Amino acid sequence: MIESIRCPNCGSIAERHHLSYLAQVKTQCEECDYLLVMCTRSGHVLESYAPGLPSEPRSPIKPTASRFLSRTRDIAIASKI
């Protein structure tokens, strides 16, 4: 039996194969290459692979004090105009 589930690694649609003749459950995702094979009798993990997800570069955040000082300076300059 094949079941559609959400990937526990990336959240995309993945497949869970119930292999009763092997007493195994195999979960796999083609989006992120996630794989988990478990024994249904013991619950032991027989094989697993979960690659890290690519992180998107974040814009650098100024420290709070720096943001406060630049804002104060902008207000002071604006009040002089």
Foldseek 3Di string as FASTA:
>chain_A
DKDWDADPQPRHIWIWDCDVVQQWIWIADPVQGWIWIARNVPRDTPDTDGDHDDDDDDDDDDDPVVVVVVVVVVVVVVVVD
